[in-house]
Amino acid sequence: MHQTNQTHKAMDRVLIVAVQTPEMADKNMSVLLNEMKDLVKAAGGEVLASVQQNLPHVDGRTLVGSGKLEEIQAQIEVEDIDLVVTYNQLSPRVNQNLSQNLGVNVIDRIQLILDIFALRARSREGKLQVELAQYNYLLPRIIGQGQAMSRLGAGIGTRGPGETKLETDRRHIRQRMLTIKRELAKVESKRQQTRQRRRQGKEFNLGLVGYTNAGKSTLLSQLTETETFIKDQVFATLDPLTRKLSLHGNDRFTITDTVGFIEDLPQELVQSFKSTLEEIRDVDLLLHVVDGSDPARVYHEQTVVDLLRELDMLDIPTLTVYNKKDQMPSDFQATLFPNVILSALDLSDIKALKEEIWRQSMKLAQAFETYIDADQAQQIYALKQEAFVESVDFDSDRNQYKVKGYQMP
């Protein structure tokens, strides 16, 4: 869908379908179905009903089997459904079969997430990355989708490349993908130069990670006292955002917000957004923000840890920030350490977090103590450009300034 059409169209009426197989036994399907509802809402849809099915394996033709398919057809009629979204990834063949049998547009969770990303991308780089991810995913699904494609209107699952582009031949699409990759390579080269300048500037770099909607953007706004886009919805932040942060009078800290993680993040997005996620690969300290009030908190923590492992970032020192203290259950127990438990909206909690960030940061530095002659006071300013100065005291007996601080290795 093109965003300009959204205001002229009623919300998509959505039916969610999920099949749980034995290999998915460890997944909490009620948590995942609730998350699916949040995703549909973020894409501009309204969930009218959901169907869950347990099978030894997904049906290779219809995903759910013929009996359940008839039940879904009946629900579509009763609820006047115009879009079916499946939790399970659909092969092009199954997707086509479902669309033809149900008479409505059918997309899977991956296409839904891609759609939200297309809606949220603001920067040129973000838009290019989404477009590339959509082409990677949709290219195998274009051929043989004549009827299904003709039904696509301005709804969920149709944002981004658009039906006219999707109906062109594969060669044209592959050419477009090559063009996007070249443009993204140029952007990544510039981003790398910026990162190198930041490192050479002896700044201390912090990175925010966490499950989507954990409160990272709110925390960034509070820590840096700046306005950022904050909304209570999944994937509210898409493009990385770096801000300056001052701690103990030292303003050479930076903090970068990133896209929220999610269970089973589509591989197409992990690849396409690699450069975005690499924005925090070289940070000195990670702040892992966790929604402490969410019943699926431990599940979300593990998802983030698994993705950090996949990105080779588990060796980066990490401070866990348990957010939404005011909404946590009374028996809350932290599971990741070191940590801070807070409400991002409480200024005294933010002050305590800044102190803990300083402590954790300086654990990675080397403490120093030096004396500077009274008539060489300008050296204190120079030192502040090279190190993190914690205190400056004048020693009248020695007629010198005593300077204490930390130097990054």
Protein backbone atom coordinates (compact mmCIF):
# COMPACT_ATOMS: atom_id res chain seq x y z
CA MET A 1 0.00 0.00 0.00
CA HIS A 2 1.09 3.56 -0.67
CA GLN A 3 0.61 5.58 2.51
CA THR A 4 -1.37 8.28 0.75
CA ASN A 5 -4.19 5.80 0.22
CA GLN A 6 -4.42 4.79 3.87
CA THR A 7 -6.68 7.66 4.87
CA HIS A 8 -9.19 6.85 2.12
CA LYS A 9 -9.60 3.19 3.08
CA ALA A 10 -11.21 1.44 6.03
CA MET A 11 -8.96 -0.83 8.10
CA ASP A 12 -8.31 -4.30 6.71
CA ARG A 13 -10.49 -6.89 8.47
CA VAL A 14 -7.99 -9.62 9.34
CA LEU A 15 -8.13 -13.32 10.23
CA ILE A 16 -4.95 -14.81 11.75
CA VAL A 17 -4.08 -18.46 11.09
CA ALA A 18 -1.36 -20.40 12.95
CA VAL A 19 -0.35 -24.07 12.71
CA GLN A 20 1.70 -25.51 15.57
CA THR A 21 3.80 -28.54 14.69
CA PRO A 22 5.87 -30.76 17.09
CA GLU A 23 9.10 -28.86 16.29
CA MET A 24 7.34 -25.69 17.52
CA ALA A 25 6.42 -27.31 20.86
CA ASP A 26 8.64 -24.96 22.85
CA LYS A 27 7.00 -21.87 21.39
CA ASN A 28 4.36 -20.10 23.48
CA MET A 29 1.68 -19.81 20.82
CA SER A 30 -0.64 -17.60 22.88
CA VAL A 31 2.22 -15.08 23.28
CA LEU A 32 3.04 -15.27 19.57
CA LEU A 33 -0.62 -14.88 18.55
CA ASN A 34 -0.91 -11.77 20.75
CA GLU A 35 2.22 -10.45 19.09
CA MET A 36 0.66 -11.17 15.68
CA LYS A 37 -2.33 -9.03 16.68
CA ASP A 38 0.06 -6.18 17.62
CA LEU A 39 1.80 -6.55 14.26
CA VAL A 40 -1.52 -6.40 12.36
CA LYS A 41 -2.53 -3.32 14.36
CA ALA A 42 0.84 -1.68 13.58
CA ALA A 43 0.22 -2.33 9.88
CA GLY A 44 -3.17 -0.63 10.05
CA GLY A 45 -5.42 -3.68 10.29
CA GLU A 46 -8.03 -4.99 12.71
CA VAL A 47 -7.99 -8.62 13.86
CA LEU A 48 -11.54 -10.02 13.83
CA ALA A 49 -10.68 -13.66 14.55
CA SER A 50 -7.84 -16.16 14.83
CA VAL A 51 -7.59 -19.88 14.08
CA GLN A 52 -4.99 -22.15 15.70
CA GLN A 53 -4.36 -25.69 14.48
CA ASN A 54 -2.11 -28.45 15.85
CA LEU A 55 -0.73 -30.79 13.15
CA PRO A 56 2.12 -33.33 12.93
CA HIS A 57 3.35 -31.24 9.95
CA VAL A 58 1.95 -28.38 7.88
CA ASP A 59 -0.20 -29.42 4.93
CA GLY A 60 1.93 -29.11 1.78
CA ARG A 61 -1.02 -27.84 -0.26
CA THR A 62 -3.17 -25.70 2.02
CA LEU A 63 -1.10 -25.30 5.24
CA VAL A 64 -4.08 -26.26 7.45
CA GLY A 65 -5.70 -29.28 5.71
CA SER A 66 -9.01 -29.42 3.83
CA GLY A 67 -11.29 -29.68 6.90
CA LYS A 68 -9.84 -26.63 8.63
CA LEU A 69 -9.78 -24.79 5.29
CA GLU A 70 -13.59 -25.10 5.07
CA GLU A 71 -13.89 -23.76 8.62
CA ILE A 72 -11.73 -20.76 7.66
CA GLN A 73 -13.82 -20.17 4.52
CA ALA A 74 -16.95 -20.02 6.71
CA GLN A 75 -15.32 -17.55 9.11
CA ILE A 76 -14.28 -15.33 6.21
CA GLU A 77 -17.93 -15.16 5.11
CA VAL A 78 -19.31 -14.54 8.61
CA GLU A 79 -16.73 -11.91 9.63
CA ASP A 80 -16.47 -10.31 6.17
CA ILE A 81 -12.69 -10.87 6.26
CA ASP A 82 -10.63 -9.28 3.49
CA LEU A 83 -7.14 -10.44 4.52
CA VAL A 84 -5.75 -13.66 6.00
CA VAL A 85 -2.35 -13.50 7.76
CA THR A 86 -0.56 -16.75 8.64
CA TYR A 87 2.01 -17.12 11.41
CA ASN A 88 3.75 -19.84 9.39
CA GLN A 89 5.91 -18.91 6.44
CA LEU A 90 4.15 -19.76 3.16
CA SER A 91 5.77 -21.24 0.08
CA PRO A 92 4.71 -19.55 -3.19
CA ARG A 93 2.59 -22.61 -4.06
CA VAL A 94 0.73 -22.76 -0.72
CA ASN A 95 0.24 -18.99 -0.78
CA GLN A 96 -1.34 -19.22 -4.23
CA ASN A 97 -3.55 -22.20 -3.24
CA LEU A 98 -4.83 -20.41 -0.14
CA SER A 99 -5.59 -17.19 -2.04
CA GLN A 100 -7.52 -19.11 -4.72
CA ASN A 101 -9.44 -21.26 -2.23
CA LEU A 102 -10.30 -18.47 0.19
CA GLY A 103 -10.99 -15.74 -2.37
CA VAL A 104 -9.13 -13.11 -0.32
CA ASN A 105 -5.56 -11.88 -0.18
CA VAL A 106 -3.27 -14.11 1.94
CA ILE A 107 0.11 -13.07 3.36
CA ASP A 108 2.39 -14.57 6.00
CA ARG A 109 4.06 -13.07 9.07
CA ILE A 110 7.25 -12.24 7.17
CA GLN A 111 5.37 -10.22 4.56
CA LEU A 112 3.43 -8.51 7.35
CA ILE A 113 6.67 -7.43 9.07
CA LEU A 114 8.13 -6.27 5.75
CA ASP A 115 4.95 -4.26 5.24
CA ILE A 116 5.32 -2.51 8.61
CA PHE A 117 8.94 -1.72 7.81
CA ALA A 118 7.85 -0.20 4.49
CA LEU A 119 5.35 1.94 6.38
CA ARG A 120 7.89 3.10 9.00
CA ALA A 121 11.06 3.67 6.95
CA ARG A 122 11.93 7.37 6.97
CA SER A 123 15.48 7.68 5.69
CA ARG A 124 16.53 6.96 2.12
CA GLU A 125 18.72 4.12 3.37
CA GLY A 126 15.85 2.59 5.36
CA LYS A 127 13.53 2.73 2.37
CA LEU A 128 16.13 1.10 0.11
CA GLN A 129 16.77 -1.66 2.64
CA VAL A 130 13.05 -2.41 2.96
CA GLU A 131 12.59 -2.43 -0.80
CA LEU A 132 15.50 -4.87 -1.21
CA ALA A 133 14.12 -7.15 1.52
CA GLN A 134 10.68 -7.14 -0.13
CA TYR A 135 12.13 -8.00 -3.54
CA ASN A 136 14.17 -10.83 -2.02
CA TYR A 137 11.04 -12.24 -0.46
CA LEU A 138 8.50 -11.54 -3.21
CA LEU A 139 10.55 -12.43 -6.29
CA PRO A 140 9.83 -16.20 -6.11
CA ARG A 141 6.15 -15.40 -5.49
CA ILE A 142 5.58 -13.19 -8.53
CA ILE A 143 5.40 -15.80 -11.26
CA GLY A 144 2.03 -17.49 -11.49
CA GLN A 145 0.26 -14.99 -9.26
CA GLY A 146 -1.76 -13.36 -12.02
CA GLN A 147 -5.18 -13.59 -10.38
CA ALA A 148 -3.88 -13.01 -6.85
CA MET A 149 -1.91 -9.95 -7.96
CA SER A 150 -4.91 -8.44 -9.70
CA ARG A 151 -6.82 -8.55 -6.41
CA LEU A 152 -4.19 -6.54 -4.54
CA GLY A 153 -5.49 -3.13 -3.56
CA ALA A 154 -4.28 -0.53 -1.12
CA GLY A 155 -4.06 -2.76 1.94
CA ILE A 156 -1.66 -4.62 4.24
CA GLY A 157 0.95 -6.55 2.30
CA THR A 158 0.96 -4.23 -0.71
CA ARG A 159 3.24 -1.44 0.52
CA GLY A 160 6.67 -0.87 -0.93
CA PRO A 161 7.46 -1.97 -4.48
CA GLY A 162 3.76 -1.92 -5.54
CA GLU A 163 1.90 -4.22 -7.91
CA THR A 164 3.08 -2.56 -11.15
CA LYS A 165 6.70 -3.27 -10.30
CA LEU A 166 5.91 -6.78 -9.10
CA GLU A 167 4.25 -7.63 -12.41
CA THR A 168 7.34 -6.74 -14.47
CA ASP A 169 9.71 -9.52 -15.46
CA ARG A 170 12.35 -10.99 -13.20
CA ARG A 171 15.20 -9.37 -15.13
CA HIS A 172 13.89 -5.87 -14.44
CA ILE A 173 13.50 -6.66 -10.72
CA ARG A 174 16.96 -8.20 -10.47
CA GLN A 175 18.40 -5.10 -12.15
CA ARG A 176 16.62 -2.91 -9.59
CA MET A 177 18.00 -5.09 -6.77
CA LEU A 178 21.55 -4.62 -8.10
CA THR A 179 21.00 -0.85 -8.23
CA ILE A 180 19.75 -0.82 -4.62
CA LYS A 181 22.73 -2.90 -3.45
CA ARG A 182 25.14 -0.45 -5.13
CA GLU A 183 23.42 2.53 -3.49
CA LEU A 184 23.44 0.81 -0.10
CA ALA A 185 27.16 0.01 -0.49
CA LYS A 186 27.84 3.75 -0.94
CA VAL A 187 25.77 4.57 2.16
CA GLU A 188 27.56 1.87 4.16
CA SER A 189 30.95 3.26 3.09
CA LYS A 190 29.97 6.72 4.42
CA ARG A 191 28.58 5.16 7.61
CA GLN A 192 31.87 3.32 8.16
CA GLN A 193 33.83 6.57 7.80
CA THR A 194 31.52 8.21 10.37
CA ARG A 195 32.09 5.28 12.76
CA GLN A 196 35.86 5.54 12.32
CA ARG A 197 35.78 9.30 13.03
CA ARG A 198 33.75 8.60 16.15
CA ARG A 199 36.31 6.03 17.32
CA GLN A 200 39.25 8.36 16.58
CA GLY A 201 37.50 11.12 18.51
CA LYS A 202 37.94 9.00 21.67
CA GLU A 203 34.21 9.00 22.34
CA PHE A 204 32.58 6.31 24.45
CA ASN A 205 29.81 4.70 22.43
CA LEU A 206 26.63 3.14 23.85
CA GLY A 207 24.12 1.09 21.88
CA LEU A 208 20.46 0.46 22.74
CA VAL A 209 19.06 -2.99 21.94
CA GLY A 210 15.92 -4.77 23.02
CA TYR A 211 12.74 -6.49 21.98
CA THR A 212 10.40 -4.29 20.00
CA ASN A 213 8.29 -1.92 22.13
CA ALA A 214 10.49 -2.35 25.23
CA GLY A 215 10.85 1.44 25.60
CA LYS A 216 14.24 2.13 23.97
CA SER A 217 13.15 5.36 22.26
CA THR A 218 11.66 6.74 25.49
CA LEU A 219 14.91 5.91 27.29
CA LEU A 220 16.99 7.60 24.58
CA SER A 221 14.82 10.71 24.81
CA GLN A 222 15.10 10.86 28.62
CA LEU A 223 18.85 10.19 28.78
CA THR A 224 19.71 12.80 26.14
CA GLU A 225 16.87 15.25 26.88
CA THR A 226 15.93 15.33 23.18
CA GLU A 227 12.74 14.67 21.26
CA THR A 228 12.51 11.33 19.48
CA PHE A 229 9.59 9.54 17.83
CA ILE A 230 7.88 7.61 20.63
CA LYS A 231 4.80 5.49 20.14
CA ASP A 232 3.39 2.47 21.99
CA GLN A 233 3.62 0.10 19.03
CA VAL A 234 5.95 -2.48 17.52
CA PHE A 235 8.76 -1.21 15.27
CA ALA A 236 8.06 2.45 16.09
CA THR A 237 11.79 3.09 15.50
CA LEU A 238 13.31 1.81 12.28
CA ASP A 239 16.24 4.00 11.29
CA PRO A 240 19.23 4.14 13.69
CA LEU A 241 19.49 7.36 15.66
CA THR A 242 22.65 8.58 17.42
CA ARG A 243 22.61 11.27 20.10
CA LYS A 244 25.18 12.92 22.35
CA LEU A 245 25.06 12.06 26.05
CA SER A 246 26.70 13.90 28.94
CA LEU A 247 27.85 12.01 32.05
CA HIS A 248 29.74 13.54 34.99
CA GLY A 249 30.36 16.67 32.92
CA ASN A 250 31.85 14.65 30.06
CA ASP A 251 29.96 15.14 26.81
CA ARG A 252 31.94 12.68 24.69
CA PHE A 253 29.45 9.86 25.10
CA THR A 254 27.18 8.85 22.22
CA ILE A 255 24.12 6.59 22.36
CA THR A 256 22.51 4.89 19.35
CA ASP A 257 18.97 3.54 19.16
CA THR A 258 18.22 0.66 16.78
CA VAL A 259 15.26 -1.25 15.37
CA GLY A 260 13.54 -3.50 17.92
CA PHE A 261 14.30 -7.21 17.80
CA ILE A 262 11.54 -9.79 17.38
CA GLU A 263 11.23 -13.57 17.56
CA ASP A 264 12.07 -15.20 14.22
CA LEU A 265 13.15 -11.92 12.64
CA PRO A 266 12.85 -12.59 8.90
CA GLN A 267 16.25 -13.55 7.50
CA GLU A 268 15.60 -11.14 4.62
CA LEU A 269 15.54 -8.31 7.15
CA VAL A 270 18.59 -9.52 9.10
CA GLN A 271 20.55 -9.43 5.83
CA SER A 272 19.10 -6.18 4.46
CA PHE A 273 19.44 -4.37 7.78
CA LYS A 274 22.90 -5.70 8.55
CA SER A 275 24.49 -2.28 8.03
CA THR A 276 21.90 -0.71 10.34
CA LEU A 277 22.54 -3.29 13.06
CA GLU A 278 26.29 -2.94 12.51
CA GLU A 279 25.92 0.67 13.65
CA ILE A 280 26.14 -0.80 17.17
CA ARG A 281 28.67 -3.56 16.45
CA ASP A 282 31.57 -1.32 17.54
CA VAL A 283 29.97 0.18 20.67
CA ASP A 284 31.79 0.03 24.00
CA LEU A 285 28.71 -0.82 26.07
CA LEU A 286 25.28 -2.22 25.16
CA LEU A 287 22.13 -1.23 27.04
CA HIS A 288 19.70 -4.14 26.71
CA VAL A 289 16.26 -2.66 27.41
CA VAL A 290 13.63 -5.13 28.65
CA ASP A 291 9.93 -4.52 29.29
CA GLY A 292 9.85 -5.86 32.85
CA SER A 293 6.03 -5.82 32.92
CA ASP A 294 5.56 -8.13 29.91
CA PRO A 295 4.46 -11.69 30.81
CA ALA A 296 6.70 -12.93 27.98
CA ARG A 297 9.73 -11.04 29.35
CA VAL A 298 12.10 -14.06 29.67
CA TYR A 299 11.13 -15.20 26.18
CA HIS A 300 11.90 -11.71 24.81
CA GLU A 301 15.25 -11.61 26.65
CA GLN A 302 16.29 -14.91 25.07
CA THR A 303 15.27 -13.69 21.59
CA VAL A 304 17.55 -10.65 21.94
CA VAL A 305 20.45 -12.73 23.31
CA ASP A 306 20.07 -15.23 20.43
CA LEU A 307 20.08 -12.43 17.84
CA LEU A 308 23.14 -10.82 19.42
CA ARG A 309 24.85 -14.21 19.20
CA GLU A 310 23.89 -14.41 15.52
CA LEU A 311 25.40 -10.95 14.98
CA ASP A 312 28.61 -11.90 16.88
CA MET A 313 27.96 -9.24 19.52
CA LEU A 314 27.73 -11.33 22.70
CA ASP A 315 31.24 -10.30 23.73
CA ILE A 316 30.24 -6.62 24.07
CA PRO A 317 29.82 -5.60 27.76
CA THR A 318 26.09 -5.29 28.48
CA LEU A 319 23.99 -3.52 31.10
CA THR A 320 20.38 -4.76 31.24
CA VAL A 321 17.77 -2.06 31.85
CA TYR A 322 14.48 -3.44 33.17
CA ASN A 323 11.92 -0.82 32.17
CA LYS A 324 8.30 -0.12 33.22
CA LYS A 325 8.95 -0.68 36.95
CA ASP A 326 5.59 0.86 37.82
CA GLN A 327 3.80 -1.93 35.92
CA MET A 328 5.93 -4.90 37.05
CA PRO A 329 4.41 -7.76 39.09
CA SER A 330 5.23 -7.70 42.80
CA ASP A 331 7.23 -10.95 42.54
CA PHE A 332 9.49 -9.64 39.75
CA GLN A 333 12.91 -11.30 39.68
CA ALA A 334 15.71 -10.09 37.41
CA THR A 335 17.38 -12.77 35.30
CA LEU A 336 20.17 -10.83 33.54
CA PHE A 337 23.07 -9.10 35.32
CA PRO A 338 24.34 -6.44 35.82
CA ASN A 339 21.05 -4.57 35.68
CA VAL A 340 19.07 -1.48 36.63
CA ILE A 341 15.33 -1.61 37.38
CA LEU A 342 13.50 1.61 36.52
CA SER A 343 10.70 3.51 34.90
CA ALA A 344 11.96 5.51 31.91
CA LEU A 345 9.44 8.22 32.83
CA ASP A 346 10.88 8.72 36.36
CA LEU A 347 13.64 11.36 36.34
CA SER A 348 15.23 10.06 39.58
CA ASP A 349 15.46 6.61 37.96
CA ILE A 350 17.10 8.15 34.87
CA LYS A 351 19.64 9.88 37.13
CA ALA A 352 20.42 6.53 38.81
CA LEU A 353 20.78 4.89 35.39
CA LYS A 354 23.27 7.56 34.30
CA GLU A 355 25.35 6.81 37.42
CA GLU A 356 25.31 3.08 36.64
CA ILE A 357 26.24 3.71 32.98
CA TRP A 358 29.18 5.80 34.21
CA ARG A 359 30.27 3.03 36.61
CA GLN A 360 30.01 0.29 34.00
CA SER A 361 31.74 2.45 31.39
CA MET A 362 34.66 3.34 33.62
CA LYS A 363 35.18 -0.34 34.47
CA LEU A 364 36.37 -0.61 30.87
CA ALA A 365 38.80 2.32 31.27
CA GLN A 366 42.04 2.89 33.20
CA ALA A 367 41.98 5.22 36.19
CA PHE A 368 44.60 7.98 36.38
CA GLU A 369 45.63 10.75 38.74
CA THR A 370 47.88 13.60 37.67
CA TYR A 371 49.01 17.06 38.84
CA ILE A 372 49.05 20.13 36.62
CA ASP A 373 50.86 23.37 37.54
CA ALA A 374 48.63 26.33 38.32
CA ASP A 375 50.03 28.33 35.39
CA GLN A 376 49.33 25.41 33.00
CA ALA A 377 45.58 25.28 33.58
CA GLN A 378 44.93 25.11 29.83
CA GLN A 379 46.26 21.55 29.98
CA ILE A 380 43.13 20.56 31.91
CA TYR A 381 41.01 21.50 28.90
CA ALA A 382 43.33 19.52 26.62
CA LEU A 383 43.12 16.54 28.96
CA LYS A 384 39.32 16.66 28.84
CA GLN A 385 39.50 16.17 25.07
CA GLU A 386 41.57 13.02 25.54
CA ALA A 387 40.17 11.41 28.69
CA PHE A 388 37.14 11.31 30.99
CA VAL A 389 37.90 13.75 33.80
CA GLU A 390 35.97 13.02 36.99
CA SER A 391 37.33 15.70 39.33
CA VAL A 392 39.65 18.73 39.36
CA ASP A 393 40.79 20.00 42.78
CA PHE A 394 43.32 22.75 43.52
CA ASP A 395 46.06 21.75 45.98
CA SER A 396 47.21 25.07 47.52
CA ASP A 397 50.18 23.43 49.27
CA ARG A 398 51.59 22.26 45.93
CA ASN A 399 50.14 25.14 43.89
CA GLN A 400 48.88 22.50 41.47
CA TYR A 401 45.60 21.10 40.18
CA LYS A 402 44.94 17.49 41.11
CA VAL A 403 43.09 15.84 38.21
CA LYS A 404 41.45 12.41 38.52
CA GLY A 405 39.73 10.54 35.73
CA TYR A 406 39.76 7.64 33.32
CA GLN A 407 41.54 6.95 30.08
CA MET A 408 40.18 4.58 27.46
CA PRO A 409 42.73 1.84 26.62
